[in-house]
Amino acid sequence: MPSQPINDRLVVRWAVIILYWLLSFRCFRRLFPRAGPVLFLSSRLCIKSTRSTSLAEASAMRFIAAHTTIPVPKVHSAFEHQGIVYIVMERINGVMLAHGWLQRTPASQSRILESLRGMVQQMRQIPAPAGCGVSNVDGGAIYDPRLPGSGVWGPFQTIHDFHRELRAGVDEPEYAGTAIPELGPLIAFHNQPWPYPVFSHGDLSSLNVLADGDEVVGIVDWETAAWMPPYWEYTSAWHVNPYNQFWQAEVDRFLEPLPEALAMEIIRRKYHNDY
């Protein structure tokens, strides 16, 4: 079903819209800084709003808060206005792991990664709804800007349907009459029997994990969260962005290494235009 707004009373909606618009002016930027799409209102409150922000992201944070002890921002309000979603949420005071990770001691790094591993295990223990396919937390389309096209896909009734779409419908190891042998193992991997999807954050990079000292105090940016194939969290985290290269060496320390799935994802990305 479509993701629903949260605390979207008329007075709340207009207060948020007007405030967000006013504080977007250059003269306010020193007092009310931004981090990408997030506008910080105070030490405790922020607003996230872009054309790719969705109500499903707010739903995902509430879902995780209800089913785990993973620290996520508390959502105060979420609504859509003229095609743009606004999420008013708690600001978590912590430092991105990307900042200063290489200067941490091995003991500090180990404590953080062990904590992160436990949080991922909590997500893995959330039972999938009966008949669950590949979808966002509300059963709608998934969003991942790393996927080809607009990044909005599905929903899919099964993991097999999702995999076939990932391969652009290719069912034989060839394209336009030309044999591509390495597609054979990929197709076989995709077509094997799969368990139910698991709930995944989808972008566990060092940019989305906040720490205070050696304590993980927040996981943020849940826009790609969804019910996904069991390997998806690992392969997505391993394919780091250019500002996050050092993190690739840490992924096996908090996620179960899945070398076969990783090899298959590398092949898929080679032929199907994402990074």
C-alpha atoms as a PDB file:
ATOM      1  CA  MET A   1       0.000   0.000   0.000  1.00  0.00           C
ATOM      2  CA  PRO A   2       1.197   3.588  -0.499  1.00  0.00           C
ATOM      3  CA  SER A   3       3.309   5.063   2.276  1.00  0.00           C
ATOM      4  CA  GLN A   4       1.253   7.325   4.506  1.00  0.00           C
ATOM      5  CA  PRO A   5       2.034  10.803   5.861  1.00  0.00           C
ATOM      6  CA  ILE A   6       2.850  11.226   9.536  1.00  0.00           C
ATOM      7  CA  ASN A   7       1.487  14.055  11.696  1.00  0.00           C
ATOM      8  CA  ASP A   8       0.564  16.096   8.631  1.00  0.00           C
ATOM      9  CA  ARG A   9      -1.949  18.493  10.151  1.00  0.00           C
ATOM     10  CA  LEU A  10      -2.406  21.597   8.028  1.00  0.00           C
ATOM     11  CA  VAL A  11      -0.705  23.902  10.519  1.00  0.00           C
ATOM     12  CA  VAL A  12       2.303  21.563  10.742  1.00  0.00           C
ATOM     13  CA  ARG A  13       2.583  21.257   6.975  1.00  0.00           C
ATOM     14  CA  TRP A  14       2.601  24.981   6.317  1.00  0.00           C
ATOM     15  CA  ALA A  15       4.910  25.748   9.216  1.00  0.00           C
ATOM     16  CA  VAL A  16       7.459  23.261   7.865  1.00  0.00           C
ATOM     17  CA  ILE A  17       7.146  24.408   4.246  1.00  0.00           C
ATOM     18  CA  ILE A  18       7.502  28.099   5.088  1.00  0.00           C
ATOM     19  CA  LEU A  19      10.366  27.489   7.509  1.00  0.00           C
ATOM     20  CA  TYR A  20      12.231  25.321   5.021  1.00  0.00           C
ATOM     21  CA  TRP A  21      11.769  27.932   2.283  1.00  0.00           C
ATOM     22  CA  LEU A  22      12.873  30.853   4.455  1.00  0.00           C
ATOM     23  CA  LEU A  23      15.947  29.101   5.803  1.00  0.00           C
ATOM     24  CA  SER A  24      17.060  28.195   2.298  1.00  0.00           C
ATOM     25  CA  PHE A  25      18.136  31.789   1.697  1.00  0.00           C
ATOM     26  CA  ARG A  26      21.873  32.363   1.758  1.00  0.00           C
ATOM     27  CA  CYS A  27      21.694  34.814   4.653  1.00  0.00           C
ATOM     28  CA  PHE A  28      20.515  32.035   6.993  1.00  0.00           C
ATOM     29  CA  ARG A  29      23.040  29.376   6.008  1.00  0.00           C
ATOM     30  CA  ARG A  30      25.561  30.152   8.740  1.00  0.00           C
ATOM     31  CA  LEU A  31      22.912  29.932  11.445  1.00  0.00           C
ATOM     32  CA  PHE A  32      21.083  26.960   9.944  1.00  0.00           C
ATOM     33  CA  PRO A  33      23.647  24.778   8.158  1.00  0.00           C
ATOM     34  CA  ARG A  34      22.930  21.930   5.784  1.00  0.00           C
ATOM     35  CA  ALA A  35      24.411  18.516   5.181  1.00  0.00           C
ATOM     36  CA  GLY A  36      23.335  17.575   1.680  1.00  0.00           C
ATOM     37  CA  PRO A  37      19.527  17.454   1.658  1.00  0.00           C
ATOM     38  CA  VAL A  38      19.232  17.906   5.429  1.00  0.00           C
ATOM     39  CA  LEU A  39      18.569  21.319   6.972  1.00  0.00           C
ATOM     40  CA  PHE A  40      19.518  21.567  10.649  1.00  0.00           C
ATOM     41  CA  LEU A  41      17.019  23.641  12.620  1.00  0.00           C
ATOM     42  CA  SER A  42      18.612  23.143  16.035  1.00  0.00           C
ATOM     43  CA  SER A  43      20.781  20.703  17.956  1.00  0.00           C
ATOM     44  CA  ARG A  44      17.755  18.397  18.196  1.00  0.00           C
ATOM     45  CA  LEU A  45      15.738  18.866  15.011  1.00  0.00           C
ATOM     46  CA  CYS A  46      16.254  18.753  11.250  1.00  0.00           C
ATOM     47  CA  ILE A  47      14.307  18.581   7.984  1.00  0.00           C
ATOM     48  CA  LYS A  48      15.151  16.348   5.041  1.00  0.00           C
ATOM     49  CA  SER A  49      13.632  17.237   1.696  1.00  0.00           C
ATOM     50  CA  THR A  50      14.577  16.484  -1.906  1.00  0.00           C
ATOM     51  CA  ARG A  51      12.706  15.345  -4.989  1.00  0.00           C
ATOM     52  CA  SER A  52      13.954  11.821  -4.287  1.00  0.00           C
ATOM     53  CA  THR A  53      12.988  11.850  -0.591  1.00  0.00           C
ATOM     54  CA  SER A  54       9.991   9.589  -0.014  1.00  0.00           C
ATOM     55  CA  LEU A  55       7.457   8.877   2.681  1.00  0.00           C
ATOM     56  CA  ALA A  56       8.779   5.299   2.676  1.00  0.00           C
ATOM     57  CA  GLU A  57      12.007   6.569   4.236  1.00  0.00           C
ATOM     58  CA  ALA A  58      10.048   7.951   7.188  1.00  0.00           C
ATOM     59  CA  SER A  59       8.114   4.679   7.418  1.00  0.00           C
ATOM     60  CA  ALA A  60      11.369   2.711   7.437  1.00  0.00           C
ATOM     61  CA  MET A  61      12.776   4.694  10.363  1.00  0.00           C
ATOM     62  CA  ARG A  62       9.596   4.192  12.370  1.00  0.00           C
ATOM     63  CA  PHE A  63       9.579   0.490  11.471  1.00  0.00           C
ATOM     64  CA  ILE A  64      13.160   0.002  12.649  1.00  0.00           C
ATOM     65  CA  ALA A  65      12.484   1.953  15.851  1.00  0.00           C
ATOM     66  CA  ALA A  66       9.486  -0.288  16.570  1.00  0.00           C
ATOM     67  CA  HIS A  67      11.235  -3.612  15.890  1.00  0.00           C
ATOM     68  CA  THR A  68      14.836  -3.099  17.031  1.00  0.00           C
ATOM     69  CA  THR A  69      17.040  -1.081  19.364  1.00  0.00           C
ATOM     70  CA  ILE A  70      18.972   0.368  16.416  1.00  0.00           C
ATOM     71  CA  PRO A  71      19.375   4.132  16.973  1.00  0.00           C
ATOM     72  CA  VAL A  72      17.520   5.953  14.199  1.00  0.00           C
ATOM     73  CA  PRO A  73      16.131   9.492  14.043  1.00  0.00           C
ATOM     74  CA  LYS A  74      12.684   9.860  15.580  1.00  0.00           C
ATOM     75  CA  VAL A  75      10.229  11.047  12.924  1.00  0.00           C
ATOM     76  CA  HIS A  76       8.027  13.940  14.039  1.00  0.00           C
ATOM     77  CA  SER A  77       6.269  14.661  10.750  1.00  0.00           C
ATOM     78  CA  ALA A  78       6.392  13.512   7.130  1.00  0.00           C
ATOM     79  CA  PHE A  79       4.253  14.651   4.219  1.00  0.00           C
ATOM     80  CA  GLU A  80       4.279  15.427   0.515  1.00  0.00           C
ATOM     81  CA  HIS A  81       3.582  18.856  -0.973  1.00  0.00           C
ATOM     82  CA  GLN A  82       3.602  19.499  -4.719  1.00  0.00           C
ATOM     83  CA  GLY A  83       5.638  16.389  -5.403  1.00  0.00           C
ATOM     84  CA  ILE A  84       8.253  17.062  -2.720  1.00  0.00           C
ATOM     85  CA  VAL A  85       8.423  15.126   0.553  1.00  0.00           C
ATOM     86  CA  TYR A  86       9.413  16.790   3.822  1.00  0.00           C
ATOM     87  CA  ILE A  87      10.576  14.712   6.787  1.00  0.00           C
ATOM     88  CA  VAL A  88      10.912  16.475  10.135  1.00  0.00           C
ATOM     89  CA  MET A  89      13.007  14.327  12.424  1.00  0.00           C
ATOM     90  CA  GLU A  90      15.362  14.159  15.333  1.00  0.00           C
ATOM     91  CA  ARG A  91      18.886  15.375  14.750  1.00  0.00           C
ATOM     92  CA  ILE A  92      21.321  12.815  16.114  1.00  0.00           C
ATOM     93  CA  ASN A  93      24.465  14.400  17.471  1.00  0.00           C
ATOM     94  CA  GLY A  94      27.306  12.231  16.316  1.00  0.00           C
ATOM     95  CA  VAL A  95      30.208  12.193  13.891  1.00  0.00           C
ATOM     96  CA  MET A  96      30.137  10.276  10.615  1.00  0.00           C
ATOM     97  CA  LEU A  97      32.533   7.348  10.706  1.00  0.00           C
ATOM     98  CA  ALA A  98      34.012   8.731   7.489  1.00  0.00           C
ATOM     99  CA  HIS A  99      35.531  11.525   9.576  1.00  0.00           C
ATOM    100  CA  GLY A 100      38.646  10.303  11.333  1.00  0.00           C
ATOM    101  CA  TRP A 101      38.159   6.567  10.849  1.00  0.00           C
ATOM    102  CA  LEU A 102      41.741   5.972   9.798  1.00  0.00           C
ATOM    103  CA  GLN A 103      42.967   7.878  12.863  1.00  0.00           C
ATOM    104  CA  ARG A 104      41.067   5.614  15.273  1.00  0.00           C
ATOM    105  CA  THR A 105      42.925   2.890  17.135  1.00  0.00           C
ATOM    106  CA  PRO A 106      42.297  -0.720  16.066  1.00  0.00           C
ATOM    107  CA  ALA A 107      40.482  -1.270  19.368  1.00  0.00           C
ATOM    108  CA  SER A 108      38.168   1.682  18.720  1.00  0.00           C
ATOM    109  CA  GLN A 109      37.410   0.477  15.204  1.00  0.00           C
ATOM    110  CA  SER A 110      36.688  -3.041  16.453  1.00  0.00           C
ATOM    111  CA  ARG A 111      34.252  -1.819  19.116  1.00  0.00           C
ATOM    112  CA  ILE A 112      32.296   0.202  16.580  1.00  0.00           C
ATOM    113  CA  LEU A 113      32.192  -2.550  13.961  1.00  0.00           C
ATOM    114  CA  GLU A 114      31.100  -5.135  16.527  1.00  0.00           C
ATOM    115  CA  SER A 115      28.265  -2.840  17.574  1.00  0.00           C
ATOM    116  CA  LEU A 116      27.307  -2.324  13.945  1.00  0.00           C
ATOM    117  CA  ARG A 117      27.349  -6.084  13.361  1.00  0.00           C
ATOM    118  CA  GLY A 118      24.863  -6.535  16.195  1.00  0.00           C
ATOM    119  CA  MET A 119      22.553  -3.938  14.694  1.00  0.00           C
ATOM    120  CA  VAL A 120      22.588  -5.675  11.318  1.00  0.00           C
ATOM    121  CA  GLN A 121      21.764  -8.962  13.052  1.00  0.00           C
ATOM    122  CA  GLN A 122      18.742  -7.299  14.633  1.00  0.00           C
ATOM    123  CA  MET A 123      17.482  -6.328  11.179  1.00  0.00           C
ATOM    124  CA  ARG A 124      18.017  -9.896   9.976  1.00  0.00           C
ATOM    125  CA  GLN A 125      15.809 -11.189  12.768  1.00  0.00           C
ATOM    126  CA  ILE A 126      12.779  -9.137  11.704  1.00  0.00           C
ATOM    127  CA  PRO A 127      10.375 -11.627  10.097  1.00  0.00           C
ATOM    128  CA  ALA A 128       9.244 -10.787   6.578  1.00  0.00           C
ATOM    129  CA  PRO A 129       5.476 -10.438   6.101  1.00  0.00           C
ATOM    130  CA  ALA A 130       3.726 -13.406   4.520  1.00  0.00           C
ATOM    131  CA  GLY A 131       4.030 -13.281   0.757  1.00  0.00           C
ATOM    132  CA  CYS A 132       6.659 -10.555   0.939  1.00  0.00           C
ATOM    133  CA  GLY A 133       8.494  -9.743  -2.279  1.00  0.00           C
ATOM    134  CA  VAL A 134      11.078  -7.082  -3.059  1.00  0.00           C
ATOM    135  CA  SER A 135       9.505  -3.827  -1.921  1.00  0.00           C
ATOM    136  CA  ASN A 136       9.843  -0.937   0.454  1.00  0.00           C
ATOM    137  CA  VAL A 137       8.625  -1.291   4.015  1.00  0.00           C
ATOM    138  CA  ASP A 138       5.075  -0.354   2.980  1.00  0.00           C
ATOM    139  CA  GLY A 139       4.962  -2.774   0.056  1.00  0.00           C
ATOM    140  CA  GLY A 140       5.646  -0.125  -2.591  1.00  0.00           C
ATOM    141  CA  ALA A 141       8.452   0.560  -5.042  1.00  0.00           C
ATOM    142  CA  ILE A 142      12.054   0.472  -3.890  1.00  0.00           C
ATOM    143  CA  TYR A 143      14.402   3.395  -4.451  1.00  0.00           C
ATOM    144  CA  ASP A 144      18.124   3.108  -5.088  1.00  0.00           C
ATOM    145  CA  PRO A 145      19.920   5.762  -7.145  1.00  0.00           C
ATOM    146  CA  ARG A 146      22.626   3.208  -7.964  1.00  0.00           C
ATOM    147  CA  LEU A 147      20.179   1.166 -10.032  1.00  0.00           C
ATOM    148  CA  PRO A 148      19.791   1.923 -13.749  1.00  0.00           C
ATOM    149  CA  GLY A 149      17.250   4.520 -14.800  1.00  0.00           C
ATOM    150  CA  SER A 150      15.421   6.626 -12.254  1.00  0.00           C
ATOM    151  CA  GLY A 151      16.298   4.315  -9.369  1.00  0.00           C
ATOM    152  CA  VAL A 152      12.598   3.680  -8.640  1.00  0.00           C
ATOM    153  CA  TRP A 153      11.869  -0.019  -9.210  1.00  0.00           C
ATOM    154  CA  GLY A 154       9.024  -2.413  -8.550  1.00  0.00           C
ATOM    155  CA  PRO A 155       7.582  -3.553  -6.319  1.00  0.00           C
ATOM    156  CA  PHE A 156       8.261  -7.177  -7.264  1.00  0.00           C
ATOM    157  CA  GLN A 157       6.269 -10.204  -6.162  1.00  0.00           C
ATOM    158  CA  THR A 158       9.371 -12.377  -5.887  1.00  0.00           C
ATOM    159  CA  ILE A 159      13.146 -12.131  -5.722  1.00  0.00           C
ATOM    160  CA  HIS A 160      13.234 -13.910  -9.089  1.00  0.00           C
ATOM    161  CA  ASP A 161      11.144 -11.134 -10.655  1.00  0.00           C
ATOM    162  CA  PHE A 162      13.530  -8.556  -9.224  1.00  0.00           C
ATOM    163  CA  HIS A 163      16.555 -10.436 -10.514  1.00  0.00           C
ATOM    164  CA  ARG A 164      15.120 -10.712 -14.011  1.00  0.00           C
ATOM    165  CA  GLU A 165      14.551  -6.962 -14.069  1.00  0.00           C
ATOM    166  CA  LEU A 166      18.130  -6.441 -12.872  1.00  0.00           C
ATOM    167  CA  ARG A 167      19.309  -8.450 -15.883  1.00  0.00           C
ATOM    168  CA  ALA A 168      17.091  -6.388 -18.207  1.00  0.00           C
ATOM    169  CA  GLY A 169      15.144  -9.553 -19.027  1.00  0.00           C
ATOM    170  CA  VAL A 170      18.189 -11.498 -20.215  1.00  0.00           C
ATOM    171  CA  ASP A 171      17.557 -15.239 -19.745  1.00  0.00           C
ATOM    172  CA  GLU A 172      20.382 -16.640 -21.870  1.00  0.00           C
ATOM    173  CA  PRO A 173      24.135 -15.910 -21.704  1.00  0.00           C
ATOM    174  CA  GLU A 174      24.118 -13.827 -24.859  1.00  0.00           C
ATOM    175  CA  TYR A 175      23.156 -10.404 -26.112  1.00  0.00           C
ATOM    176  CA  ALA A 176      22.144  -9.486 -29.671  1.00  0.00           C
ATOM    177  CA  GLY A 177      23.324 -12.878 -30.855  1.00  0.00           C
ATOM    178  CA  THR A 178      26.738 -12.585 -29.210  1.00  0.00           C
ATOM    179  CA  ALA A 179      27.634 -15.160 -26.558  1.00  0.00           C
ATOM    180  CA  ILE A 180      28.591 -13.721 -23.164  1.00  0.00           C
ATOM    181  CA  PRO A 181      29.698 -16.777 -21.158  1.00  0.00           C
ATOM    182  CA  GLU A 182      30.061 -15.019 -17.792  1.00  0.00           C
ATOM    183  CA  LEU A 183      26.342 -14.232 -17.817  1.00  0.00           C
ATOM    184  CA  GLY A 184      25.654 -17.960 -17.420  1.00  0.00           C
ATOM    185  CA  PRO A 185      26.766 -18.143 -13.757  1.00  0.00           C
ATOM    186  CA  LEU A 186      24.916 -14.885 -13.024  1.00  0.00           C
ATOM    187  CA  ILE A 187      21.644 -16.215 -14.446  1.00  0.00           C
ATOM    188  CA  ALA A 188      22.081 -19.483 -12.524  1.00  0.00           C
ATOM    189  CA  PHE A 189      22.780 -17.553  -9.311  1.00  0.00           C
ATOM    190  CA  HIS A 190      19.693 -15.391  -9.810  1.00  0.00           C
ATOM    191  CA  ASN A 191      17.454 -18.360 -10.657  1.00  0.00           C
ATOM    192  CA  GLN A 192      18.327 -20.515  -7.639  1.00  0.00           C
ATOM    193  CA  PRO A 193      15.688 -20.970  -4.899  1.00  0.00           C
ATOM    194  CA  TRP A 194      15.606 -17.993  -2.521  1.00  0.00           C
ATOM    195  CA  PRO A 195      14.231 -17.582   0.995  1.00  0.00           C
ATOM    196  CA  TYR A 196      12.077 -14.612   1.894  1.00  0.00           C
ATOM    197  CA  PRO A 197      13.696 -11.191   1.509  1.00  0.00           C
ATOM    198  CA  VAL A 198      15.338  -9.606   4.538  1.00  0.00           C
ATOM    199  CA  PHE A 199      14.984  -6.021   5.663  1.00  0.00           C
ATOM    200  CA  SER A 200      18.049  -4.077   4.575  1.00  0.00           C
ATOM    201  CA  HIS A 201      19.274  -0.520   5.008  1.00  0.00           C
ATOM    202  CA  GLY A 202      20.809  -0.639   1.551  1.00  0.00           C
ATOM    203  CA  ASP A 203      23.626   1.864   2.045  1.00  0.00           C
ATOM    204  CA  LEU A 204      25.655   1.071   5.151  1.00  0.00           C
ATOM    205  CA  SER A 205      28.540   3.347   4.275  1.00  0.00           C
ATOM    206  CA  SER A 206      30.721   5.230   6.729  1.00  0.00           C
ATOM    207  CA  LEU A 207      28.790   8.347   5.694  1.00  0.00           C
ATOM    208  CA  ASN A 208      25.558   6.978   7.175  1.00  0.00           C
ATOM    209  CA  VAL A 209      26.781   5.711  10.550  1.00  0.00           C
ATOM    210  CA  LEU A 210      27.185   8.250  13.361  1.00  0.00           C
ATOM    211  CA  ALA A 211      29.332   7.698  16.437  1.00  0.00           C
ATOM    212  CA  ASP A 212      30.033   9.469  19.697  1.00  0.00           C
ATOM    213  CA  GLY A 213      33.427   8.220  20.789  1.00  0.00           C
ATOM    214  CA  ASP A 214      33.308   4.449  20.337  1.00  0.00           C
ATOM    215  CA  GLU A 215      29.511   4.247  20.523  1.00  0.00           C
ATOM    216  CA  VAL A 216      27.294   4.040  17.450  1.00  0.00           C
ATOM    217  CA  VAL A 217      24.605   6.630  18.170  1.00  0.00           C
ATOM    218  CA  GLY A 218      22.773   6.665  14.866  1.00  0.00           C
ATOM    219  CA  ILE A 219      22.224   5.070  11.486  1.00  0.00           C
ATOM    220  CA  VAL A 220      20.773   7.577   9.055  1.00  0.00           C
ATOM    221  CA  ASP A 221      19.714   7.919   5.414  1.00  0.00           C
ATOM    222  CA  TRP A 222      17.130   5.133   5.131  1.00  0.00           C
ATOM    223  CA  GLU A 223      15.960   6.095   1.633  1.00  0.00           C
ATOM    224  CA  THR A 224      17.143   2.773   0.142  1.00  0.00           C
ATOM    225  CA  ALA A 225      15.755   0.614   2.967  1.00  0.00           C
ATOM    226  CA  ALA A 226      13.600  -2.250   1.716  1.00  0.00           C
ATOM    227  CA  TRP A 227      12.861  -5.951   1.777  1.00  0.00           C
ATOM    228  CA  MET A 228      15.714  -7.211  -0.398  1.00  0.00           C
ATOM    229  CA  PRO A 229      17.539 -10.443  -1.328  1.00  0.00           C
ATOM    230  CA  PRO A 230      19.684 -11.699   1.582  1.00  0.00           C
ATOM    231  CA  TYR A 231      22.970 -10.713  -0.087  1.00  0.00           C
ATOM    232  CA  TRP A 232      21.941  -7.169  -1.021  1.00  0.00           C
ATOM    233  CA  GLU A 233      23.141  -5.439   2.143  1.00  0.00           C
ATOM    234  CA  TYR A 234      26.609  -6.902   1.715  1.00  0.00           C
ATOM    235  CA  THR A 235      27.098  -6.218  -1.981  1.00  0.00           C
ATOM    236  CA  SER A 236      25.660  -2.706  -1.695  1.00  0.00           C
ATOM    237  CA  ALA A 237      27.950  -1.841   1.212  1.00  0.00           C
ATOM    238  CA  TRP A 238      30.990  -3.291  -0.574  1.00  0.00           C
ATOM    239  CA  HIS A 239      30.447  -1.135  -3.668  1.00  0.00           C
ATOM    240  CA  VAL A 240      31.482   2.062  -1.932  1.00  0.00           C
ATOM    241  CA  ASN A 241      31.310   5.517  -3.463  1.00  0.00           C
ATOM    242  CA  PRO A 242      34.527   7.358  -4.422  1.00  0.00           C
ATOM    243  CA  TYR A 243      34.538   9.334  -1.144  1.00  0.00           C
ATOM    244  CA  ASN A 244      34.336   6.158   0.906  1.00  0.00           C
ATOM    245  CA  GLN A 245      36.981   3.840  -0.571  1.00  0.00           C
ATOM    246  CA  PHE A 246      38.622   2.956   2.752  1.00  0.00           C
ATOM    247  CA  TRP A 247      35.305   1.504   3.970  1.00  0.00           C
ATOM    248  CA  GLN A 248      35.496  -1.395   1.531  1.00  0.00           C
ATOM    249  CA  ALA A 249      38.182  -2.991   3.711  1.00  0.00           C
ATOM    250  CA  GLU A 250      35.847  -2.866   6.742  1.00  0.00           C
ATOM    251  CA  VAL A 251      32.671  -4.350   5.257  1.00  0.00           C
ATOM    252  CA  ASP A 252      33.620  -7.978   5.969  1.00  0.00           C
ATOM    253  CA  ARG A 253      34.079  -7.062   9.620  1.00  0.00           C
ATOM    254  CA  PHE A 254      30.428  -6.187  10.254  1.00  0.00           C
ATOM    255  CA  LEU A 255      28.592  -8.060   7.472  1.00  0.00           C
ATOM    256  CA  GLU A 256      28.846 -11.741   6.628  1.00  0.00           C
ATOM    257  CA  PRO A 257      31.197 -12.064   3.636  1.00  0.00           C
ATOM    258  CA  LEU A 258      29.383 -13.442   0.590  1.00  0.00           C
ATOM    259  CA  PRO A 259      32.067 -13.903  -2.062  1.00  0.00           C
ATOM    260  CA  GLU A 260      29.857 -15.674  -4.615  1.00  0.00           C
ATOM    261  CA  ALA A 261      27.148 -13.017  -4.419  1.00  0.00           C
ATOM    262  CA  LEU A 262      29.775 -10.302  -4.702  1.00  0.00           C
ATOM    263  CA  ALA A 263      31.300 -11.904  -7.796  1.00  0.00           C
ATOM    264  CA  MET A 264      27.859 -12.133  -9.396  1.00  0.00           C
ATOM    265  CA  GLU A 265      27.023  -8.518  -8.576  1.00  0.00           C
ATOM    266  CA  ILE A 266      30.302  -7.386 -10.139  1.00  0.00           C
ATOM    267  CA  ILE A 267      29.316  -9.196 -13.346  1.00  0.00           C
ATOM    268  CA  ARG A 268      25.808  -7.732 -13.280  1.00  0.00           C
ATOM    269  CA  ARG A 269      27.081  -4.200 -12.796  1.00  0.00           C
ATOM    270  CA  LYS A 270      29.556  -4.688 -15.624  1.00  0.00           C
ATOM    271  CA  TYR A 271      26.745  -5.287 -18.110  1.00  0.00           C
ATOM    272  CA  HIS A 272      23.811  -3.388 -16.675  1.00  0.00           C
ATOM    273  CA  ASN A 273      24.975   0.171 -16.207  1.00  0.00           C
ATOM    274  CA  ASP A 274      25.091   0.961 -12.532  1.00  0.00           C
ATOM    275  CA  TYR A 275      27.970   1.525 -10.138  1.00  0.00           C
END
